[in-house]
Amino acid sequence: APGDEVTARRAEFAARLTEPAVLARLAATMAGSDVPYQDD
């Protein structure tokens, strides 16, 4: 979305993209593998 506040959030978000846990969570979300049909 437009706006300076969003731009600031994007800068914070970009700084975290080098963190393996953040990258893994985004990849799983886009793949649709982050929500299992059941938990064991």
PDB file of all heavy atoms in Angstrom:
ATOM      1  N   ALA A   1       0.831  -1.200   0.000  1.00  0.00           N
ATOM      2  CA  ALA A   1       0.000   0.000   0.000  1.00  0.00           C
ATOM      3  C   ALA A   1       0.870   1.257   0.000  1.00  0.00           C
ATOM      4  O   ALA A   1       2.039   1.217   0.384  1.00  0.00           O
ATOM      5  CB  ALA A   1      -0.919  -0.015   1.222  1.00  0.00           C
ATOM      6  N   PRO A   2       0.328   2.371  -0.431  1.00  0.00           N
ATOM      7  CA  PRO A   2       1.112   3.610  -0.463  1.00  0.00           C
ATOM      8  C   PRO A   2       1.265   4.213   0.930  1.00  0.00           C
ATOM      9  O   PRO A   2       0.559   3.849   1.875  1.00  0.00           O
ATOM     10  CB  PRO A   2       0.280   4.522  -1.370  1.00  0.00           C
ATOM     11  CG  PRO A   2      -1.125   4.042  -1.190  1.00  0.00           C
ATOM     12  CD  PRO A   2      -1.032   2.561  -0.976  1.00  0.00           C
ATOM     13  N   GLY A   3       2.186   5.155   1.050  1.00  0.00           N
ATOM     14  CA  GLY A   3       2.329   5.901   2.295  1.00  0.00           C
ATOM     15  C   GLY A   3       3.680   5.733   2.957  1.00  0.00           C
ATOM     16  O   GLY A   3       4.335   4.693   2.812  1.00  0.00           O
ATOM     17  N   ASP A   4       4.092   6.778   3.691  1.00  0.00           N
ATOM     18  CA  ASP A   4       5.393   6.754   4.363  1.00  0.00           C
ATOM     19  C   ASP A   4       5.456   5.707   5.464  1.00  0.00           C
ATOM     20  O   ASP A   4       6.497   5.104   5.703  1.00  0.00           O
ATOM     21  CB  ASP A   4       5.694   8.139   4.948  1.00  0.00           C
ATOM     22  CG  ASP A   4       5.899   9.191   3.868  1.00  0.00           C
ATOM     23  OD1 ASP A   4       6.186   8.795   2.722  1.00  0.00           O
ATOM     24  OD2 ASP A   4       5.749  10.390   4.172  1.00  0.00           O
ATOM     25  N   GLU A   5       4.338   5.501   6.167  1.00  0.00           N
ATOM     26  CA  GLU A   5       4.340   4.495   7.232  1.00  0.00           C
ATOM     27  C   GLU A   5       4.589   3.104   6.665  1.00  0.00           C
ATOM     28  O   GLU A   5       5.323   2.303   7.251  1.00  0.00           O
ATOM     29  CB  GLU A   5       3.009   4.533   7.989  1.00  0.00           C
ATOM     30  CG  GLU A   5       2.801   5.788   8.828  1.00  0.00           C
ATOM     31  CD  GLU A   5       1.520   5.708   9.629  1.00  0.00           C
ATOM     32  OE1 GLU A   5       0.852   4.652   9.572  1.00  0.00           O
ATOM     33  OE2 GLU A   5       1.185   6.694  10.307  1.00  0.00           O
ATOM     34  N   VAL A   6       3.984   2.821   5.536  1.00  0.00           N
ATOM     35  CA  VAL A   6       4.200   1.519   4.898  1.00  0.00           C
ATOM     36  C   VAL A   6       5.651   1.405   4.436  1.00  0.00           C
ATOM     37  O   VAL A   6       6.281   0.351   4.568  1.00  0.00           O
ATOM     38  CB  VAL A   6       3.233   1.323   3.722  1.00  0.00           C
ATOM     39  CG1 VAL A   6       3.537   0.016   2.986  1.00  0.00           C
ATOM     40  CG2 VAL A   6       1.793   1.321   4.210  1.00  0.00           C
ATOM     41  N   THR A   7       6.187   2.485   3.900  1.00  0.00           N
ATOM     42  CA  THR A   7       7.581   2.470   3.463  1.00  0.00           C
ATOM     43  C   THR A   7       8.509   2.150   4.630  1.00  0.00           C
ATOM     44  O   THR A   7       9.477   1.380   4.498  1.00  0.00           O
ATOM     45  CB  THR A   7       7.955   3.820   2.838  1.00  0.00           C
ATOM     46  OG1 THR A   7       7.103   4.070   1.708  1.00  0.00           O
ATOM     47  CG2 THR A   7       9.405   3.831   2.386  1.00  0.00           C
ATOM     48  N   ALA A   8       8.221   2.705   5.802  1.00  0.00           N
ATOM     49  CA  ALA A   8       9.033   2.424   6.987  1.00  0.00           C
ATOM     50  C   ALA A   8       8.906   0.962   7.399  1.00  0.00           C
ATOM     51  O   ALA A   8       9.901   0.317   7.765  1.00  0.00           O
ATOM     52  CB  ALA A   8       8.615   3.337   8.135  1.00  0.00           C
ATOM     53  N   ARG A   9       7.672   0.414   7.324  1.00  0.00           N
ATOM     54  CA  ARG A   9       7.491  -0.997   7.674  1.00  0.00           C
ATOM     55  C   ARG A   9       8.216  -1.895   6.691  1.00  0.00           C
ATOM     56  O   ARG A   9       8.761  -2.940   7.067  1.00  0.00           O
ATOM     57  CB  ARG A   9       5.999  -1.352   7.694  1.00  0.00           C
ATOM     58  CG  ARG A   9       5.248  -0.800   8.893  1.00  0.00           C
ATOM     59  CD  ARG A   9       3.971  -1.601   9.148  1.00  0.00           C
ATOM     60  NE  ARG A   9       3.080  -1.610   7.993  1.00  0.00           N
ATOM     61  CZ  ARG A   9       2.145  -0.696   7.777  1.00  0.00           C
ATOM     62  NH1 ARG A   9       1.990   0.315   8.626  1.00  0.00           N
ATOM     63  NH2 ARG A   9       1.363  -0.778   6.723  1.00  0.00           N
ATOM     64  N   ARG A  10       8.243  -1.490   5.443  1.00  0.00           N
ATOM     65  CA  ARG A  10       8.944  -2.286   4.433  1.00  0.00           C
ATOM     66  C   ARG A  10      10.443  -2.330   4.715  1.00  0.00           C
ATOM     67  O   ARG A  10      11.097  -3.351   4.505  1.00  0.00           O
ATOM     68  CB  ARG A  10       8.685  -1.719   3.030  1.00  0.00           C
ATOM     69  CG  ARG A  10       7.276  -1.984   2.522  1.00  0.00           C
ATOM     70  CD  ARG A  10       7.053  -1.333   1.164  1.00  0.00           C
ATOM     71  NE  ARG A  10       7.927  -1.883   0.144  1.00  0.00           N
ATOM     72  CZ  ARG A  10       7.666  -2.976  -0.565  1.00  0.00           C
ATOM     73  NH1 ARG A  10       6.561  -3.655  -0.351  1.00  0.00           N
ATOM     74  NH2 ARG A  10       8.518  -3.400  -1.489  1.00  0.00           N
ATOM     75  N   ALA A  11      10.994  -1.225   5.171  1.00  0.00           N
ATOM     76  CA  ALA A  11      12.421  -1.207   5.500  1.00  0.00           C
ATOM     77  C   ALA A  11      12.722  -2.172   6.644  1.00  0.00           C
ATOM     78  O   ALA A  11      13.716  -2.917   6.612  1.00  0.00           O
ATOM     79  CB  ALA A  11      12.853   0.209   5.861  1.00  0.00           C
ATOM     80  N   GLU A  12      11.851  -2.189   7.654  1.00  0.00           N
ATOM     81  CA  GLU A  12      12.027  -3.126   8.758  1.00  0.00           C
ATOM     82  C   GLU A  12      11.877  -4.568   8.281  1.00  0.00           C
ATOM     83  O   GLU A  12      12.629  -5.464   8.689  1.00  0.00           O
ATOM     84  CB  GLU A  12      11.002  -2.835   9.859  1.00  0.00           C
ATOM     85  CG  GLU A  12      11.170  -1.462  10.514  1.00  0.00           C
ATOM     86  CD  GLU A  12      10.047  -1.165  11.489  1.00  0.00           C
ATOM     87  OE1 GLU A  12       9.145  -2.037  11.638  1.00  0.00           O
ATOM     88  OE2 GLU A  12      10.045  -0.074  12.087  1.00  0.00           O
ATOM     89  N   PHE A  13      10.897  -4.786   7.413  1.00  0.00           N
ATOM     90  CA  PHE A  13      10.653  -6.124   6.887  1.00  0.00           C
ATOM     91  C   PHE A  13      11.848  -6.600   6.061  1.00  0.00           C
ATOM     92  O   PHE A  13      12.295  -7.750   6.188  1.00  0.00           O
ATOM     93  CB  PHE A  13       9.386  -6.103   6.032  1.00  0.00           C
ATOM     94  CG  PHE A  13       8.965  -7.445   5.501  1.00  0.00           C
ATOM     95  CD1 PHE A  13       8.266  -8.332   6.298  1.00  0.00           C
ATOM     96  CD2 PHE A  13       9.262  -7.814   4.192  1.00  0.00           C
ATOM     97  CE1 PHE A  13       7.865  -9.562   5.804  1.00  0.00           C
ATOM     98  CE2 PHE A  13       8.872  -9.033   3.697  1.00  0.00           C
ATOM     99  CZ  PHE A  13       8.172  -9.910   4.497  1.00  0.00           C
ATOM    100  N   ALA A  14      12.387  -5.729   5.227  1.00  0.00           N
ATOM    101  CA  ALA A  14      13.517  -6.095   4.368  1.00  0.00           C
ATOM    102  C   ALA A  14      14.728  -6.491   5.200  1.00  0.00           C
ATOM    103  O   ALA A  14      15.485  -7.404   4.834  1.00  0.00           O
ATOM    104  CB  ALA A  14      13.867  -4.935   3.441  1.00  0.00           C
ATOM    105  N   ALA A  15      14.921  -5.824   6.330  1.00  0.00           N
ATOM    106  CA  ALA A  15      16.078  -6.120   7.174  1.00  0.00           C
ATOM    107  C   ALA A  15      15.998  -7.518   7.764  1.00  0.00           C
ATOM    108  O   ALA A  15      17.025  -8.105   8.124  1.00  0.00           O
ATOM    109  CB  ALA A  15      16.182  -5.087   8.293  1.00  0.00           C
ATOM    110  N   ARG A  16      14.788  -8.078   7.843  1.00  0.00           N
ATOM    111  CA  ARG A  16      14.627  -9.395   8.455  1.00  0.00           C
ATOM    112  C   ARG A  16      14.656 -10.534   7.445  1.00  0.00           C
ATOM    113  O   ARG A  16      14.613 -11.712   7.829  1.00  0.00           O
ATOM    114  CB  ARG A  16      13.313  -9.447   9.237  1.00  0.00           C
ATOM    115  CG  ARG A  16      13.216  -8.423  10.365  1.00  0.00           C
ATOM    116  CD  ARG A  16      12.032  -8.741  11.247  1.00  0.00           C
ATOM    117  NE  ARG A  16      12.188 -10.056  11.881  1.00  0.00           N
ATOM    118  CZ  ARG A  16      11.190 -10.716  12.457  1.00  0.00           C
ATOM    119  NH1 ARG A  16       9.971 -10.193  12.474  1.00  0.00           N
ATOM    120  NH2 ARG A  16      11.399 -11.898  13.014  1.00  0.00           N
ATOM    121  N   LEU A  17      14.705 -10.205   6.156  1.00  0.00           N
ATOM    122  CA  LEU A  17      14.654 -11.247   5.143  1.00  0.00           C
ATOM    123  C   LEU A  17      15.915 -12.099   5.087  1.00  0.00           C
ATOM    124  O   LEU A  17      15.937 -13.125   4.414  1.00  0.00           O
ATOM    125  CB  LEU A  17      14.389 -10.637   3.757  1.00  0.00           C
ATOM    126  CG  LEU A  17      12.991 -10.053   3.566  1.00  0.00           C
ATOM    127  CD1 LEU A  17      12.834  -9.488   2.163  1.00  0.00           C
ATOM    128  CD2 LEU A  17      11.929 -11.118   3.833  1.00  0.00           C
ATOM    129  N   THR A  18      16.953 -11.676   5.773  1.00  0.00           N
ATOM    130  CA  THR A  18      18.164 -12.503   5.836  1.00  0.00           C
ATOM    131  C   THR A  18      18.081 -13.527   6.975  1.00  0.00           C
ATOM    132  O   THR A  18      18.949 -14.398   7.077  1.00  0.00           O
ATOM    133  CB  THR A  18      19.412 -11.627   6.051  1.00  0.00           C
ATOM    134  OG1 THR A  18      19.228 -10.830   7.233  1.00  0.00           O
ATOM    135  CG2 THR A  18      19.625 -10.701   4.852  1.00  0.00           C
ATOM    136  N   GLU A  19      17.065 -13.413   7.826  1.00  0.00           N
ATOM    137  CA  GLU A  19      16.906 -14.361   8.924  1.00  0.00           C
ATOM    138  C   GLU A  19      16.305 -15.659   8.388  1.00  0.00           C
ATOM    139  O   GLU A  19      15.224 -15.650   7.793  1.00  0.00           O
ATOM    140  CB  GLU A  19      15.994 -13.779  10.003  1.00  0.00           C
ATOM    141  CG  GLU A  19      16.516 -12.491  10.625  1.00  0.00           C
ATOM    142  CD  GLU A  19      15.532 -11.916  11.624  1.00  0.00           C
ATOM    143  OE1 GLU A  19      14.664 -12.671  12.109  1.00  0.00           O
ATOM    144  OE2 GLU A  19      15.624 -10.700  11.906  1.00  0.00           O
ATOM    145  N   PRO A  20      16.972 -16.793   8.573  1.00  0.00           N
ATOM    146  CA  PRO A  20      16.462 -18.065   8.029  1.00  0.00           C
ATOM    147  C   PRO A  20      15.040 -18.385   8.473  1.00  0.00           C
ATOM    148  O   PRO A  20      14.239 -18.890   7.676  1.00  0.00           O
ATOM    149  CB  PRO A  20      17.471 -19.089   8.566  1.00  0.00           C
ATOM    150  CG  PRO A  20      18.721 -18.312   8.790  1.00  0.00           C
ATOM    151  CD  PRO A  20      18.280 -16.948   9.222  1.00  0.00           C
ATOM    152  N   ALA A  21      14.701 -18.100   9.724  1.00  0.00           N
ATOM    153  CA  ALA A  21      13.364 -18.426  10.220  1.00  0.00           C
ATOM    154  C   ALA A  21      12.294 -17.611   9.497  1.00  0.00           C
ATOM    155  O   ALA A  21      11.218 -18.129   9.169  1.00  0.00           O
ATOM    156  CB  ALA A  21      13.286 -18.182  11.719  1.00  0.00           C
ATOM    157  N   VAL A  22      12.578 -16.338   9.241  1.00  0.00           N
ATOM    158  CA  VAL A  22      11.625 -15.485   8.529  1.00  0.00           C
ATOM    159  C   VAL A  22      11.457 -15.956   7.096  1.00  0.00           C
ATOM    160  O   VAL A  22      10.338 -16.083   6.573  1.00  0.00           O
ATOM    161  CB  VAL A  22      12.080 -14.013   8.569  1.00  0.00           C
ATOM    162  CG1 VAL A  22      11.184 -13.139   7.688  1.00  0.00           C
ATOM    163  CG2 VAL A  22      12.078 -13.500  10.002  1.00  0.00           C
ATOM    164  N   LEU A  23      12.567 -16.252   6.441  1.00  0.00           N
ATOM    165  CA  LEU A  23      12.534 -16.717   5.056  1.00  0.00           C
ATOM    166  C   LEU A  23      11.783 -18.038   4.954  1.00  0.00           C
ATOM    167  O   LEU A  23      10.972 -18.246   4.035  1.00  0.00           O
ATOM    168  CB  LEU A  23      13.965 -16.865   4.532  1.00  0.00           C
ATOM    169  CG  LEU A  23      14.163 -16.932   3.018  1.00  0.00           C
ATOM    170  CD1 LEU A  23      13.609 -15.688   2.349  1.00  0.00           C
ATOM    171  CD2 LEU A  23      15.639 -17.102   2.694  1.00  0.00           C
ATOM    172  N   ALA A  24      12.026 -18.934   5.891  1.00  0.00           N
ATOM    173  CA  ALA A  24      11.352 -20.233   5.878  1.00  0.00           C
ATOM    174  C   ALA A  24       9.846 -20.070   6.081  1.00  0.00           C
ATOM    175  O   ALA A  24       9.042 -20.766   5.442  1.00  0.00           O
ATOM    176  CB  ALA A  24      11.941 -21.130   6.966  1.00  0.00           C
ATOM    177  N   ARG A  25       9.445 -19.164   6.970  1.00  0.00           N
ATOM    178  CA  ARG A  25       8.028 -18.955   7.225  1.00  0.00           C
ATOM    179  C   ARG A  25       7.323 -18.391   5.991  1.00  0.00           C
ATOM    180  O   ARG A  25       6.226 -18.830   5.636  1.00  0.00           O
ATOM    181  CB  ARG A  25       7.843 -18.021   8.408  1.00  0.00           C
ATOM    182  CG  ARG A  25       6.373 -17.858   8.808  1.00  0.00           C
ATOM    183  CD  ARG A  25       6.208 -17.052  10.082  1.00  0.00           C
ATOM    184  NE  ARG A  25       6.581 -15.653   9.898  1.00  0.00           N
ATOM    185  CZ  ARG A  25       7.659 -15.097  10.418  1.00  0.00           C
ATOM    186  NH1 ARG A  25       8.500 -15.813  11.145  1.00  0.00           N
ATOM    187  NH2 ARG A  25       7.921 -13.814  10.213  1.00  0.00           N
ATOM    188  N   LEU A  26       7.960 -17.441   5.316  1.00  0.00           N
ATOM    189  CA  LEU A  26       7.363 -16.869   4.110  1.00  0.00           C
ATOM    190  C   LEU A  26       7.245 -17.910   3.008  1.00  0.00           C
ATOM    191  O   LEU A  26       6.230 -17.986   2.314  1.00  0.00           O
ATOM    192  CB  LEU A  26       8.198 -15.684   3.627  1.00  0.00           C
ATOM    193  CG  LEU A  26       8.146 -14.421   4.490  1.00  0.00           C
ATOM    194  CD1 LEU A  26       9.152 -13.395   3.974  1.00  0.00           C
ATOM    195  CD2 LEU A  26       6.749 -13.824   4.490  1.00  0.00           C
ATOM    196  N   ALA A  27       8.287 -18.720   2.826  1.00  0.00           N
ATOM    197  CA  ALA A  27       8.261 -19.751   1.792  1.00  0.00           C
ATOM    198  C   ALA A  27       7.158 -20.760   2.067  1.00  0.00           C
ATOM    199  O   ALA A  27       6.428 -21.169   1.152  1.00  0.00           O
ATOM    200  CB  ALA A  27       9.615 -20.447   1.713  1.00  0.00           C
ATOM    201  N   ALA A  28       7.010 -21.160   3.328  1.00  0.00           N
ATOM    202  CA  ALA A  28       5.970 -22.122   3.680  1.00  0.00           C
ATOM    203  C   ALA A  28       4.577 -21.529   3.472  1.00  0.00           C
ATOM    204  O   ALA A  28       3.658 -22.220   2.995  1.00  0.00           O
ATOM    205  CB  ALA A  28       6.143 -22.568   5.129  1.00  0.00           C
ATOM    206  N   THR A  29       4.414 -20.253   3.785  1.00  0.00           N
ATOM    207  CA  THR A  29       3.127 -19.604   3.601  1.00  0.00           C
ATOM    208  C   THR A  29       2.765 -19.538   2.123  1.00  0.00           C
ATOM    209  O   THR A  29       1.626 -19.843   1.727  1.00  0.00           O
ATOM    210  CB  THR A  29       3.148 -18.191   4.197  1.00  0.00           C
ATOM    211  OG1 THR A  29       3.425 -18.275   5.594  1.00  0.00           O
ATOM    212  CG2 THR A  29       1.811 -17.494   3.998  1.00  0.00           C
ATOM    213  N   MET A  30       3.709 -19.158   1.287  1.00  0.00           N
ATOM    214  CA  MET A  30       3.437 -19.072  -0.145  1.00  0.00           C
ATOM    215  C   MET A  30       3.201 -20.447  -0.751  1.00  0.00           C
ATOM    216  O   MET A  30       2.408 -20.607  -1.678  1.00  0.00           O
ATOM    217  CB  MET A  30       4.588 -18.365  -0.855  1.00  0.00           C
ATOM    218  CG  MET A  30       4.666 -16.885  -0.532  1.00  0.00           C
ATOM    219  SD  MET A  30       5.892 -16.006  -1.533  1.00  0.00           S
ATOM    220  CE  MET A  30       7.407 -16.704  -0.896  1.00  0.00           C
ATOM    221  N   ALA A  31       3.885 -21.464  -0.214  1.00  0.00           N
ATOM    222  CA  ALA A  31       3.705 -22.826  -0.717  1.00  0.00           C
ATOM    223  C   ALA A  31       2.401 -23.437  -0.234  1.00  0.00           C
ATOM    224  O   ALA A  31       1.900 -24.401  -0.823  1.00  0.00           O
ATOM    225  CB  ALA A  31       4.874 -23.697  -0.284  1.00  0.00           C
ATOM    226  N   GLY A  32       1.836 -22.894   0.872  1.00  0.00           N
ATOM    227  CA  GLY A  32       0.647 -23.471   1.459  1.00  0.00           C
ATOM    228  C   GLY A  32       0.945 -24.648   2.361  1.00  0.00           C
ATOM    229  O   GLY A  32       0.061 -25.470   2.645  1.00  0.00           O
ATOM    230  N   SER A  33       2.173 -24.739   2.831  1.00  0.00           N
ATOM    231  CA  SER A  33       2.568 -25.871   3.679  1.00  0.00           C
ATOM    232  C   SER A  33       2.652 -25.498   5.150  1.00  0.00           C
ATOM    233  O   SER A  33       3.066 -26.313   5.971  1.00  0.00           O
ATOM    234  CB  SER A  33       3.925 -26.416   3.221  1.00  0.00           C
ATOM    235  OG  SER A  33       4.938 -25.420   3.295  1.00  0.00           O
ATOM    236  N   ASP A  34       2.256 -24.270   5.494  1.00  0.00           N
ATOM    237  CA  ASP A  34       2.407 -23.830   6.885  1.00  0.00           C
ATOM    238  C   ASP A  34       1.253 -24.270   7.777  1.00  0.00           C
ATOM    239  O   ASP A  34       1.392 -24.293   9.003  1.00  0.00           O
ATOM    240  CB  ASP A  34       2.559 -22.303   6.944  1.00  0.00           C
ATOM    241  CG  ASP A  34       1.374 -21.571   6.330  1.00  0.00           C
ATOM    242  OD1 ASP A  34       0.751 -22.127   5.407  1.00  0.00           O
ATOM    243  OD2 ASP A  34       1.070 -20.449   6.760  1.00  0.00           O
ATOM    244  N   VAL A  35       0.116 -24.623   7.188  1.00  0.00           N
ATOM    245  CA  VAL A  35      -1.035 -25.064   7.966  1.00  0.00           C
ATOM    246  C   VAL A  35      -1.322 -26.526   7.636  1.00  0.00           C
ATOM    247  O   VAL A  35      -1.820 -26.835   6.555  1.00  0.00           O
ATOM    248  CB  VAL A  35      -2.282 -24.206   7.669  1.00  0.00           C
ATOM    249  CG1 VAL A  35      -3.484 -24.700   8.468  1.00  0.00           C
ATOM    250  CG2 VAL A  35      -2.002 -22.743   7.972  1.00  0.00           C
ATOM    251  N   PRO A  36      -1.004 -27.462   8.528  1.00  0.00           N
ATOM    252  CA  PRO A  36      -1.237 -28.882   8.234  1.00  0.00           C
ATOM    253  C   PRO A  36      -2.703 -29.248   8.384  1.00  0.00           C
ATOM    254  O   PRO A  36      -3.476 -28.554   9.064  1.00  0.00           O
ATOM    255  CB  PRO A  36      -0.384 -29.598   9.295  1.00  0.00           C
ATOM    256  CG  PRO A  36      -0.368 -28.657  10.452  1.00  0.00           C
ATOM    257  CD  PRO A  36      -0.378 -27.271   9.845  1.00  0.00           C
ATOM    258  N   TYR A  37      -3.099 -30.338   7.765  1.00  0.00           N
ATOM    259  CA  TYR A  37      -4.453 -30.842   7.943  1.00  0.00           C
ATOM    260  C   TYR A  37      -4.661 -31.393   9.353  1.00  0.00           C
ATOM    261  O   TYR A  37      -5.783 -31.401   9.859  1.00  0.00           O
ATOM    262  CB  TYR A  37      -4.744 -31.948   6.929  1.00  0.00           C
ATOM    263  CG  TYR A  37      -4.966 -31.465   5.514  1.00  0.00           C
ATOM    264  CD1 TYR A  37      -4.857 -32.341   4.435  1.00  0.00           C
ATOM    265  CD2 TYR A  37      -5.303 -30.139   5.236  1.00  0.00           C
ATOM    266  CE1 TYR A  37      -5.078 -31.923   3.132  1.00  0.00           C
ATOM    267  CE2 TYR A  37      -5.521 -29.716   3.938  1.00  0.00           C
ATOM    268  CZ  TYR A  37      -5.407 -30.610   2.886  1.00  0.00           C
ATOM    269  OH  TYR A  37      -5.617 -30.193   1.594  1.00  0.00           O
ATOM    270  N   GLN A  38      -3.601 -31.883   9.964  1.00  0.00           N
ATOM    271  CA  GLN A  38      -3.668 -32.370  11.335  1.00  0.00           C
ATOM    272  C   GLN A  38      -2.291 -32.226  11.961  1.00  0.00           C
ATOM    273  O   GLN A  38      -1.280 -32.158  11.257  1.00  0.00           O
ATOM    274  CB  GLN A  38      -4.117 -33.834  11.385  1.00  0.00           C
ATOM    275  CG  GLN A  38      -3.110 -34.809  10.766  1.00  0.00           C
ATOM    276  CD  GLN A  38      -3.594 -36.236  10.757  1.00  0.00           C
ATOM    277  OE1 GLN A  38      -4.092 -36.715   9.756  1.00  0.00           O
ATOM    278  NE2 GLN A  38      -3.446 -36.920  11.879  1.00  0.00           N
ATOM    279  N   ASP A  39      -2.259 -32.160  13.277  1.00  0.00           N
ATOM    280  CA  ASP A  39      -0.999 -32.046  14.010  1.00  0.00           C
ATOM    281  C   ASP A  39      -0.728 -33.339  14.759  1.00  0.00           C
ATOM    282  O   ASP A  39      -1.621 -33.883  15.412  1.00  0.00           O
ATOM    283  CB  ASP A  39      -1.053 -30.884  15.014  1.00  0.00           C
ATOM    284  CG  ASP A  39      -0.861 -29.530  14.342  1.00  0.00           C
ATOM    285  OD1 ASP A  39       0.100 -29.405  13.564  1.00  0.00           O
ATOM    286  OD2 ASP A  39      -1.666 -28.630  14.598  1.00  0.00           O
ATOM    287  N   ASP A  40       0.500 -33.829  14.659  1.00  0.00           N
ATOM    288  CA  ASP A  40       0.946 -34.971  15.444  1.00  0.00           C
ATOM    289  C   ASP A  40       2.343 -34.644  15.937  1.00  0.00           C
ATOM    290  O   ASP A  40       3.276 -34.550  15.140  1.00  0.00           O
ATOM    291  CB  ASP A  40       0.955 -36.250  14.609  1.00  0.00           C
ATOM    292  CG  ASP A  40       1.191 -37.502  15.456  1.00  0.00           C
ATOM    293  OD1 ASP A  40       1.941 -37.411  16.451  1.00  0.00           O
ATOM    294  OD2 ASP A  40       0.616 -38.555  15.131  1.00  0.00           O
TER     295      ASP A  40
END
